[in-house]
PDB file of N, CA and C in Angstrom:
ATOM      1  N   MET A   1       0.845  -1.186   0.000  1.00  0.00           N
ATOM      2  CA  MET A   1       0.000   0.000   0.000  1.00  0.00           C
ATOM      3  C   MET A   1       0.884   1.241   0.000  1.00  0.00           C
ATOM      4  N   SER A   2       0.453   2.213  -0.739  1.00  0.00           N
ATOM      5  CA  SER A   2       1.162   3.476  -0.828  1.00  0.00           C
ATOM      6  C   SER A   2       1.184   4.168   0.537  1.00  0.00           C
ATOM      7  N   PRO A   3       2.298   4.825   0.880  1.00  0.00           N
ATOM      8  CA  PRO A   3       2.330   5.559   2.151  1.00  0.00           C
ATOM      9  C   PRO A   3       1.270   6.659   2.205  1.00  0.00           C
ATOM     10  N   TYR A   4       0.925   7.193   1.034  1.00  0.00           N
ATOM     11  CA  TYR A   4      -0.126   8.217   0.994  1.00  0.00           C
ATOM     12  C   TYR A   4      -1.470   7.618   1.412  1.00  0.00           C
ATOM     13  N   LEU A   5      -1.755   6.427   0.900  1.00  0.00           N
ATOM     14  CA  LEU A   5      -3.027   5.794   1.225  1.00  0.00           C
ATOM     15  C   LEU A   5      -3.131   5.475   2.713  1.00  0.00           C
ATOM     16  N   SER A   6      -2.053   5.001   3.299  1.00  0.00           N
ATOM     17  CA  SER A   6      -2.116   4.678   4.729  1.00  0.00           C
ATOM     18  C   SER A   6      -2.384   5.935   5.552  1.00  0.00           C
ATOM     19  N   GLU A   7      -1.862   7.071   5.116  1.00  0.00           N
ATOM     20  CA  GLU A   7      -2.141   8.331   5.812  1.00  0.00           C
ATOM     21  C   GLU A   7      -3.581   8.775   5.592  1.00  0.00           C
ATOM     22  N   ILE A   8      -4.065   8.580   4.379  1.00  0.00           N
ATOM     23  CA  ILE A   8      -5.450   8.952   4.073  1.00  0.00           C
ATOM     24  C   ILE A   8      -6.416   8.148   4.927  1.00  0.00           C
ATOM     25  N   PHE A   9      -6.149   6.853   5.094  1.00  0.00           N
ATOM     26  CA  PHE A   9      -7.044   6.001   5.867  1.00  0.00           C
ATOM     27  C   PHE A   9      -7.045   6.357   7.355  1.00  0.00           C
ATOM     28  N   LYS A  10      -6.091   7.143   7.792  1.00  0.00           N
ATOM     29  CA  LYS A  10      -6.075   7.610   9.184  1.00  0.00           C
ATOM     30  C   LYS A  10      -7.023   8.789   9.396  1.00  0.00           C
ATOM     31  N   LEU A  11      -7.446   9.413   8.309  1.00  0.00           N
ATOM     32  CA  LEU A  11      -8.366  10.544   8.419  1.00  0.00           C
ATOM     33  C   LEU A  11      -9.755  10.053   8.832  1.00  0.00           C
ATOM     34  N   SER A  12     -10.516  10.948   9.421  1.00  0.00           N
ATOM     35  CA  SER A  12     -11.894  10.608   9.768  1.00  0.00           C
ATOM     36  C   SER A  12     -12.718  10.492   8.486  1.00  0.00           C
ATOM     37  N   ILE A  13     -13.879   9.893   8.594  1.00  0.00           N
ATOM     38  CA  ILE A  13     -14.736   9.749   7.411  1.00  0.00           C
ATOM     39  C   ILE A  13     -15.104  11.116   6.831  1.00  0.00           C
ATOM     40  N   PRO A  14     -15.520  12.094   7.640  1.00  0.00           N
ATOM     41  CA  PRO A  14     -15.811  13.410   7.037  1.00  0.00           C
ATOM     42  C   PRO A  14     -14.600  14.026   6.332  1.00  0.00           C
ATOM     43  N   GLU A  15     -13.419  13.824   6.884  1.00  0.00           N
ATOM     44  CA  GLU A  15     -12.220  14.357   6.237  1.00  0.00           C
ATOM     45  C   GLU A  15     -11.956  13.649   4.912  1.00  0.00           C
ATOM     46  N   ARG A  16     -12.165  12.331   4.883  1.00  0.00           N
ATOM     47  CA  ARG A  16     -11.964  11.585   3.635  1.00  0.00           C
ATOM     48  C   ARG A  16     -12.994  11.986   2.587  1.00  0.00           C
ATOM     49  N   ILE A  17     -14.224  12.255   3.018  1.00  0.00           N
ATOM     50  CA  ILE A  17     -15.244  12.707   2.076  1.00  0.00           C
ATOM     51  C   ILE A  17     -14.840  14.041   1.468  1.00  0.00           C
ATOM     52  N   LEU A  18     -14.349  14.958   2.295  1.00  0.00           N
ATOM     53  CA  LEU A  18     -13.882  16.251   1.774  1.00  0.00           C
ATOM     54  C   LEU A  18     -12.727  16.067   0.800  1.00  0.00           C
ATOM     55  N   LEU A  19     -11.847  15.124   1.107  1.00  0.00           N
ATOM     56  CA  LEU A  19     -10.717  14.844   0.224  1.00  0.00           C
ATOM     57  C   LEU A  19     -11.202  14.301  -1.123  1.00  0.00           C
ATOM     58  N   VAL A  20     -12.133  13.384  -1.078  1.00  0.00           N
ATOM     59  CA  VAL A  20     -12.686  12.829  -2.314  1.00  0.00           C
ATOM     60  C   VAL A  20     -13.358  13.925  -3.136  1.00  0.00           C
ATOM     61  N   GLU A  21     -14.102  14.793  -2.474  1.00  0.00           N
ATOM     62  CA  GLU A  21     -14.749  15.904  -3.183  1.00  0.00           C
ATOM     63  C   GLU A  21     -13.713  16.801  -3.848  1.00  0.00           C
ATOM     64  N   ALA A  22     -12.642  17.089  -3.117  1.00  0.00           N
ATOM     65  CA  ALA A  22     -11.587  17.950  -3.669  1.00  0.00           C
ATOM     66  C   ALA A  22     -10.916  17.276  -4.869  1.00  0.00           C
ATOM     67  N   ILE A  23     -10.664  15.979  -4.761  1.00  0.00           N
ATOM     68  CA  ILE A  23     -10.051  15.249  -5.870  1.00  0.00           C
ATOM     69  C   ILE A  23     -11.000  15.236  -7.070  1.00  0.00           C
ATOM     70  N   TRP A  24     -12.285  14.952  -6.812  1.00  0.00           N
ATOM     71  CA  TRP A  24     -13.264  14.915  -7.900  1.00  0.00           C
ATOM     72  C   TRP A  24     -13.357  16.275  -8.595  1.00  0.00           C
ATOM     73  N   ASP A  25     -13.391  17.344  -7.798  1.00  0.00           N
ATOM     74  CA  ASP A  25     -13.443  18.689  -8.382  1.00  0.00           C
ATOM     75  C   ASP A  25     -12.224  18.957  -9.254  1.00  0.00           C
ATOM     76  N   SER A  26     -11.047  18.523  -8.794  1.00  0.00           N
ATOM     77  CA  SER A  26      -9.835  18.759  -9.583  1.00  0.00           C
ATOM     78  C   SER A  26      -9.862  17.970 -10.883  1.00  0.00           C
ATOM     79  N   ILE A  27     -10.421  16.766 -10.856  1.00  0.00           N
ATOM     80  CA  ILE A  27     -10.550  15.958 -12.071  1.00  0.00           C
ATOM     81  C   ILE A  27     -11.508  16.638 -13.043  1.00  0.00           C
ATOM     82  N   ALA A  28     -12.624  17.138 -12.521  1.00  0.00           N
ATOM     83  CA  ALA A  28     -13.608  17.810 -13.377  1.00  0.00           C
ATOM     84  C   ALA A  28     -13.004  19.038 -14.029  1.00  0.00           C
ATOM     85  N   ILE A  29     -12.253  19.818 -13.262  1.00  0.00           N
ATOM     86  CA  ILE A  29     -11.629  21.034 -13.800  1.00  0.00           C
ATOM     87  C   ILE A  29     -10.593  20.672 -14.859  1.00  0.00           C
ATOM     88  N   GLU A  30      -9.733  19.700 -14.535  1.00  0.00           N
ATOM     89  CA  GLU A  30      -8.710  19.289 -15.498  1.00  0.00           C
ATOM     90  C   GLU A  30      -9.334  18.658 -16.728  1.00  0.00           C
ATOM     91  N   GLY A  31     -10.349  17.825 -16.507  1.00  0.00           N
ATOM     92  CA  GLY A  31     -11.034  17.174 -17.618  1.00  0.00           C
ATOM     93  C   GLY A  31     -11.665  18.186 -18.548  1.00  0.00           C
ATOM     94  N   ASP A  32     -12.245  19.251 -17.962  1.00  0.00           N
ATOM     95  CA  ASP A  32     -12.843  20.294 -18.793  1.00  0.00           C
ATOM     96  C   ASP A  32     -11.789  20.967 -19.660  1.00  0.00           C
ATOM     97  N   LYS A  33     -10.614  21.160 -19.081  1.00  0.00           N
ATOM     98  CA  LYS A  33      -9.546  21.820 -19.835  1.00  0.00           C
ATOM     99  C   LYS A  33      -9.075  20.950 -20.991  1.00  0.00           C
ATOM    100  N   LYS A  34      -8.962  19.654 -20.747  1.00  0.00           N
ATOM    101  CA  LYS A  34      -8.418  18.746 -21.749  1.00  0.00           C
ATOM    102  C   LYS A  34      -9.512  18.046 -22.541  1.00  0.00           C
ATOM    103  N   ASN A  35     -10.751  18.129 -22.043  1.00  0.00           N
ATOM    104  CA  ASN A  35     -11.867  17.414 -22.657  1.00  0.00           C
ATOM    105  C   ASN A  35     -11.525  15.938 -22.820  1.00  0.00           C
ATOM    106  N   SER A  36     -10.831  15.394 -21.804  1.00  0.00           N
ATOM    107  CA  SER A  36     -10.319  14.034 -21.878  1.00  0.00           C
ATOM    108  C   SER A  36     -11.395  12.970 -21.743  1.00  0.00           C
ATOM    109  N   TYR A  37     -12.568  13.337 -21.327  1.00  0.00           N
ATOM    110  CA  TYR A  37     -13.620  12.344 -21.142  1.00  0.00           C
ATOM    111  C   TYR A  37     -14.604  12.330 -22.297  1.00  0.00           C
ATOM    112  N   ALA A  38     -14.331  13.083 -23.333  1.00  0.00           N
ATOM    113  CA  ALA A  38     -15.223  13.118 -24.494  1.00  0.00           C
ATOM    114  C   ALA A  38     -15.123  11.793 -25.250  1.00  0.00           C
ATOM    115  N   LEU A  39     -16.239  11.382 -25.797  1.00  0.00           N
ATOM    116  CA  LEU A  39     -16.259  10.163 -26.600  1.00  0.00           C
ATOM    117  C   LEU A  39     -15.701  10.445 -27.991  1.00  0.00           C
ATOM    118  N   SER A  40     -15.088   9.432 -28.554  1.00  0.00           N
ATOM    119  CA  SER A  40     -14.597   9.567 -29.928  1.00  0.00           C
ATOM    120  C   SER A  40     -15.795   9.508 -30.870  1.00  0.00           C
ATOM    121  N   ASP A  41     -15.588   9.914 -32.111  1.00  0.00           N
ATOM    122  CA  ASP A  41     -16.646   9.844 -33.116  1.00  0.00           C
ATOM    123  C   ASP A  41     -17.129   8.407 -33.291  1.00  0.00           C
ATOM    124  N   GLU A  42     -16.188   7.488 -33.254  1.00  0.00           N
ATOM    125  CA  GLU A  42     -16.536   6.065 -33.403  1.00  0.00           C
ATOM    126  C   GLU A  42     -17.417   5.586 -32.238  1.00  0.00           C
ATOM    127  N   GLN A  43     -17.078   5.999 -31.022  1.00  0.00           N
ATOM    128  CA  GLN A  43     -17.887   5.621 -29.867  1.00  0.00           C
ATOM    129  C   GLN A  43     -19.291   6.215 -29.950  1.00  0.00           C
ATOM    130  N   VAL A  44     -19.380   7.457 -30.387  1.00  0.00           N
ATOM    131  CA  VAL A  44     -20.692   8.111 -30.533  1.00  0.00           C
ATOM    132  C   VAL A  44     -21.525   7.377 -31.571  1.00  0.00           C
ATOM    133  N   ARG A  45     -20.923   7.034 -32.696  1.00  0.00           N
ATOM    134  CA  ARG A  45     -21.652   6.303 -33.748  1.00  0.00           C
ATOM    135  C   ARG A  45     -22.142   4.947 -33.233  1.00  0.00           C
ATOM    136  N   PHE A  46     -21.275   4.250 -32.507  1.00  0.00           N
ATOM    137  CA  PHE A  46     -21.650   2.951 -31.961  1.00  0.00           C
ATOM    138  C   PHE A  46     -22.842   3.084 -31.010  1.00  0.00           C
ATOM    139  N   LEU A  47     -22.779   4.044 -30.099  1.00  0.00           N
ATOM    140  CA  LEU A  47     -23.867   4.235 -29.141  1.00  0.00           C
ATOM    141  C   LEU A  47     -25.159   4.660 -29.830  1.00  0.00           C
ATOM    142  N   GLU A  48     -25.048   5.513 -30.826  1.00  0.00           N
ATOM    143  CA  GLU A  48     -26.239   5.928 -31.577  1.00  0.00           C
ATOM    144  C   GLU A  48     -26.873   4.738 -32.283  1.00  0.00           C
ATOM    145  N   GLU A  49     -26.058   3.868 -32.842  1.00  0.00           N
ATOM    146  CA  GLU A  49     -26.570   2.671 -33.518  1.00  0.00           C
ATOM    147  C   GLU A  49     -27.238   1.730 -32.518  1.00  0.00           C
ATOM    148  N   GLU A  50     -26.623   1.559 -31.367  1.00  0.00           N
ATOM    149  CA  GLU A  50     -27.214   0.711 -30.327  1.00  0.00           C
ATOM    150  C   GLU A  50     -28.553   1.274 -29.870  1.00  0.00           C
ATOM    151  N   LEU A  51     -28.616   2.573 -29.674  1.00  0.00           N
ATOM    152  CA  LEU A  51     -29.868   3.204 -29.251  1.00  0.00           C
ATOM    153  C   LEU A  51     -30.946   3.042 -30.320  1.00  0.00           C
ATOM    154  N   LYS A  52     -30.568   3.188 -31.573  1.00  0.00           N
ATOM    155  CA  LYS A  52     -31.502   3.010 -32.682  1.00  0.00           C
ATOM    156  C   LYS A  52     -32.023   1.571 -32.707  1.00  0.00           C
ATOM    157  N   ASP A  53     -31.109   0.598 -32.548  1.00  0.00           N
ATOM    158  CA  ASP A  53     -31.516  -0.807 -32.521  1.00  0.00           C
ATOM    159  C   ASP A  53     -32.480  -1.071 -31.374  1.00  0.00           C
ATOM    160  N   TYR A  54     -32.161  -0.523 -30.213  1.00  0.00           N
ATOM    161  CA  TYR A  54     -33.039  -0.713 -29.053  1.00  0.00           C
ATOM    162  C   TYR A  54     -34.404  -0.075 -29.300  1.00  0.00           C
ATOM    163  N   SER A  55     -34.429   1.107 -29.889  1.00  0.00           N
ATOM    164  CA  SER A  55     -35.697   1.797 -30.158  1.00  0.00           C
ATOM    165  C   SER A  55     -36.579   0.987 -31.107  1.00  0.00           C
ATOM    166  N   ASN A  56     -35.945   0.308 -32.054  1.00  0.00           N
ATOM    167  CA  ASN A  56     -36.685  -0.507 -33.014  1.00  0.00           C
ATOM    168  C   ASN A  56     -37.154  -1.838 -32.436  1.00  0.00           C
ATOM    169  N   ARG A  57     -36.409  -2.378 -31.453  1.00  0.00           N
ATOM    170  CA  ARG A  57     -36.746  -3.693 -30.900  1.00  0.00           C
ATOM    171  C   ARG A  57     -36.489  -3.731 -29.384  1.00  0.00           C
ATOM    172  N   PRO A  58     -37.217  -2.950 -28.596  1.00  0.00           N
ATOM    173  CA  PRO A  58     -36.952  -2.903 -27.146  1.00  0.00           C
ATOM    174  C   PRO A  58     -37.173  -4.237 -26.441  1.00  0.00           C
ATOM    175  N   GLU A  59     -38.000  -5.091 -27.021  1.00  0.00           N
ATOM    176  CA  GLU A  59     -38.291  -6.383 -26.390  1.00  0.00           C
ATOM    177  C   GLU A  59     -37.090  -7.333 -26.433  1.00  0.00           C
ATOM    178  N   GLU A  60     -36.105  -7.037 -27.270  1.00  0.00           N
ATOM    179  CA  GLU A  60     -34.933  -7.899 -27.381  1.00  0.00           C
ATOM    180  C   GLU A  60     -33.866  -7.591 -26.330  1.00  0.00           C
ATOM    181  N   GLY A  61     -34.044  -6.510 -25.611  1.00  0.00           N
ATOM    182  CA  GLY A  61     -33.073  -6.157 -24.585  1.00  0.00           C
ATOM    183  C   GLY A  61     -33.389  -6.836 -23.266  1.00  0.00           C
ATOM    184  N   SER A  62     -32.510  -6.642 -22.288  1.00  0.00           N
ATOM    185  CA  SER A  62     -32.704  -7.177 -20.942  1.00  0.00           C
ATOM    186  C   SER A  62     -32.794  -6.029 -19.957  1.00  0.00           C
ATOM    187  N   SER A  63     -33.607  -6.211 -18.945  1.00  0.00           N
ATOM    188  CA  SER A  63     -33.702  -5.189 -17.895  1.00  0.00           C
ATOM    189  C   SER A  63     -32.462  -5.269 -17.015  1.00  0.00           C
ATOM    190  N   TRP A  64     -32.222  -4.216 -16.260  1.00  0.00           N
ATOM    191  CA  TRP A  64     -31.093  -4.199 -15.333  1.00  0.00           C
ATOM    192  C   TRP A  64     -31.223  -5.344 -14.337  1.00  0.00           C
ATOM    193  N   GLU A  65     -32.443  -5.612 -13.855  1.00  0.00           N
ATOM    194  CA  GLU A  65     -32.645  -6.701 -12.891  1.00  0.00           C
ATOM    195  C   GLU A  65     -32.247  -8.048 -13.490  1.00  0.00           C
ATOM    196  N   GLU A  66     -32.595  -8.279 -14.759  1.00  0.00           N
ATOM    197  CA  GLU A  66     -32.225  -9.537 -15.419  1.00  0.00           C
ATOM    198  C   GLU A  66     -30.702  -9.652 -15.573  1.00  0.00           C
ATOM    199  N   ILE A  67     -30.093  -8.576 -15.972  1.00  0.00           N
ATOM    200  CA  ILE A  67     -28.631  -8.576 -16.155  1.00  0.00           C
ATOM    201  C   ILE A  67     -27.937  -8.810 -14.827  1.00  0.00           C
ATOM    202  N   LYS A  68     -28.386  -8.081 -13.806  1.00  0.00           N
ATOM    203  CA  LYS A  68     -27.789  -8.229 -12.471  1.00  0.00           C
ATOM    204  C   LYS A  68     -27.935  -9.665 -11.973  1.00  0.00           C
ATOM    205  N   LYS A  69     -29.084 -10.264 -12.174  1.00  0.00           N
ATOM    206  CA  LYS A  69     -29.321 -11.638 -11.743  1.00  0.00           C
ATOM    207  C   LYS A  69     -28.361 -12.590 -12.443  1.00  0.00           C
ATOM    208  N   ARG A  70     -28.154 -12.403 -13.763  1.00  0.00           N
ATOM    209  CA  ARG A  70     -27.216 -13.257 -14.506  1.00  0.00           C
ATOM    210  C   ARG A  70     -25.792 -13.104 -13.972  1.00  0.00           C
ATOM    211  N   ILE A  71     -25.391 -11.878 -13.718  1.00  0.00           N
ATOM    212  CA  ILE A  71     -24.040 -11.615 -13.224  1.00  0.00           C
ATOM    213  C   ILE A  71     -23.844 -12.257 -11.860  1.00  0.00           C
ATOM    214  N   LEU A  72     -24.797 -12.040 -10.961  1.00  0.00           N
ATOM    215  CA  LEU A  72     -24.670 -12.574  -9.611  1.00  0.00           C
ATOM    216  C   LEU A  72     -24.738 -14.093  -9.564  1.00  0.00           C
ATOM    217  N   SER A  73     -25.426 -14.708 -10.508  1.00  0.00           N
ATOM    218  CA  SER A  73     -25.524 -16.167 -10.521  1.00  0.00           C
ATOM    219  C   SER A  73     -24.223 -16.818 -10.942  1.00  0.00           C
ATOM    220  N   LYS A  74     -23.313 -16.047 -11.547  1.00  0.00           N
ATOM    221  CA  LYS A  74     -22.021 -16.595 -12.008  1.00  0.00           C
ATOM    222  C   LYS A  74     -20.962 -16.592 -10.922  1.00  0.00           C
ATOM    223  N   LYS A  75     -21.279 -16.008  -9.759  1.00  0.00           N
ATOM    224  CA  LYS A  75     -20.268 -15.951  -8.685  1.00  0.00           C
ATOM    225  C   LYS A  75     -20.159 -17.248  -7.954  1.00  0.00           C
TER     226      LYS A  75
END
């Protein structure tokens, strides 16, 4: 374990929550500057096609509950 992590785990829960918020805010600010979380054109096209397929045949999809049940049954 990183020495930084061991020090972080010594903080109280409210202090760790504030730390997480500060880290998240810094990621959001940096991400906005670099736009590093934007999807590529290929990813956008893929998602649009998937959404179109689902819109045309919603009965062929699975609900979150069905998917979760399948995942949990494999453990």
